Amino acid sequence: MKAKASVLTIRVPKELKHKIEQVADEQGVSINQLALYAFTKEIKELETSTFFINYTKSKTKNEILTGFDNVMKKVKKEKVPSWDKL
């Protein structure tokens, strides 16, 4: 069963509304679809950021770096392509 949609009305400056309409048109989607995508993406980024802030809050810099080094030791060493070298 599909959940019922709710209506959310927001006020945005005219210039932002124009940009939203322009981007939606360029992407070939409705303003509603663009808004759903943007809200969902931003909320996920905020949740991810909060997760990492909370995860690292109780760790020292040395613990974080040691954990990173341990993970990197498990990664198969690959030859770096010439186009990707510094």
Protein backbone atom coordinates (compact mmCIF):
# COMPACT_ATOMS: atom_id res chain seq x y z
CA MET A 1 0.00 0.00 0.00
CA LYS A 2 1.38 3.36 -1.03
CA ALA A 3 1.62 6.01 1.70
CA LYS A 4 -0.45 9.13 1.22
CA ALA A 5 1.51 12.22 0.27
CA SER A 6 1.46 15.34 2.39
CA VAL A 7 1.46 18.88 1.13
CA LEU A 8 4.23 21.24 2.21
CA THR A 9 4.05 24.89 1.30
CA ILE A 10 7.26 26.90 1.48
CA ARG A 11 8.06 30.50 0.71
CA VAL A 12 11.19 31.18 -1.29
CA PRO A 13 12.64 34.37 -2.73
CA LYS A 14 11.64 35.06 -6.34
CA GLU A 15 15.21 34.61 -7.59
CA LEU A 16 15.47 31.18 -5.94
CA LYS A 17 12.10 30.17 -7.37
CA HIS A 18 13.34 31.16 -10.82
CA LYS A 19 16.50 29.07 -10.35
CA ILE A 20 14.46 26.09 -9.11
CA GLU A 21 12.21 26.29 -12.17
CA GLN A 22 15.24 26.58 -14.44
CA VAL A 23 17.03 23.58 -12.94
CA ALA A 24 13.86 21.47 -12.97
CA ASP A 25 13.35 22.34 -16.62
CA GLU A 26 16.98 21.54 -17.48
CA GLN A 27 16.68 18.18 -15.69
CA GLY A 28 13.36 17.42 -17.34
CA VAL A 29 11.54 16.97 -14.02
CA SER A 30 8.78 18.77 -12.18
CA ILE A 31 9.54 21.27 -9.44
CA ASN A 32 8.01 18.76 -7.02
CA GLN A 33 10.38 15.98 -8.15
CA LEU A 34 13.37 18.31 -7.91
CA ALA A 35 12.33 19.44 -4.42
CA LEU A 36 11.88 15.85 -3.22
CA TYR A 37 15.31 14.94 -4.56
CA ALA A 38 16.99 18.00 -3.04
CA PHE A 39 15.32 17.60 0.36
CA THR A 40 16.09 13.87 0.49
CA LYS A 41 19.72 14.38 -0.54
CA GLU A 42 20.33 17.16 1.98
CA ILE A 43 18.66 15.28 4.85
CA LYS A 44 20.81 12.20 4.13
CA GLU A 45 23.95 14.36 4.07
CA LEU A 46 22.99 15.91 7.41
CA GLU A 47 22.34 12.45 8.90
CA THR A 48 25.69 11.17 7.61
CA SER A 49 27.49 14.20 9.01
CA THR A 50 25.80 13.76 12.39
CA PHE A 51 26.74 10.07 12.41
CA PHE A 52 30.42 10.80 11.83
CA ILE A 53 30.47 13.66 14.34
CA ASN A 54 29.01 11.38 17.00
CA TYR A 55 31.25 8.45 16.02
CA THR A 56 34.46 10.46 16.16
CA LYS A 57 33.51 12.47 19.26
CA SER A 58 34.75 9.73 21.60
CA LYS A 59 37.89 8.94 19.58
CA THR A 60 41.29 10.54 19.63
CA LYS A 61 42.97 11.69 16.44
CA ASN A 62 45.46 8.83 16.84
CA GLU A 63 42.65 6.24 17.13
CA ILE A 64 41.00 7.57 13.99
CA LEU A 65 44.26 7.57 12.02
CA THR A 66 45.17 4.08 13.26
CA GLY A 67 41.74 2.80 12.22
CA PHE A 68 42.16 4.38 8.80
CA ASP A 69 45.62 2.83 8.40
CA ASN A 70 44.24 -0.60 9.37
CA VAL A 71 41.51 -0.37 6.74
CA MET A 72 43.97 0.81 4.10
CA LYS A 73 46.23 -2.20 4.80
CA LYS A 74 43.34 -4.42 3.69
CA VAL A 75 42.96 -2.63 0.37
CA LYS A 76 44.69 -4.38 -2.50
CA LYS A 77 47.61 -2.36 -3.78
CA GLU A 78 47.05 -1.34 -7.37
CA LYS A 79 49.42 0.35 -9.72
CA VAL A 80 48.44 4.01 -9.99
CA PRO A 81 47.73 4.96 -13.61
CA SER A 82 50.00 7.70 -14.94
CA TRP A 83 47.03 10.04 -15.42
CA ASP A 84 46.23 9.79 -11.68
CA LYS A 85 49.69 10.51 -10.28
CA LEU A 86 50.41 13.77 -8.52
